[in-house]
């Protein structure tokens, strides 16, 4: 009888291990850690909100962590809240605006904006004018949307809804993952 119990324990153990692995993988997907760009080492550091806002060229843009696959909705929500329009990522998604490529008509209802193709100097100019920029990047095999909120002499500051706020990235590294999208951006005409 003991042998039968041990034979049963092995499959039960394997099923349990499989469940644990699935839960772990799911947590990576839910938290967005699968989009942290490890192959590019995109982010080299981060600043707290207090530290970041002491810098001359960093904007006080609200930060929102994304729900799974809601990077565009969360990015749009951050920028709309910056301009005084309190939309959640769920509200934006439920209205049918669920990708960077179809986000502009929704944003234009509240803030004058347009799609553009930019370079690093353009991002800096927009920030100097007090305007965050939503950009589309390629993370491995996934398109991802983030918000440029500032810069200093060494870094561009990003709100990545999958990772965190006031993340520091080297401009050259950012260009590598931004170039595959033809430097897509949503620019605000305020």
Foldseek 3Di string as FASTA:
>chain_A
DVVVVVVVVVVVVVVVVVVVVVVVVVVCQQLVVLQPQPVLPFFPFFDDLVVQVVDDQFAPFDAAADGRLLQVLRQLQRQVVVVPHHDHSVNQVVVPNRDPVRNVVVSCVPFAKDKDADAPVVQSVLSVVVHKKWAWWQRPPDIGIWIFGGADPAFTFIRGSSPGGRTTGGRVSRCVGRVVVNRIMMGTDD
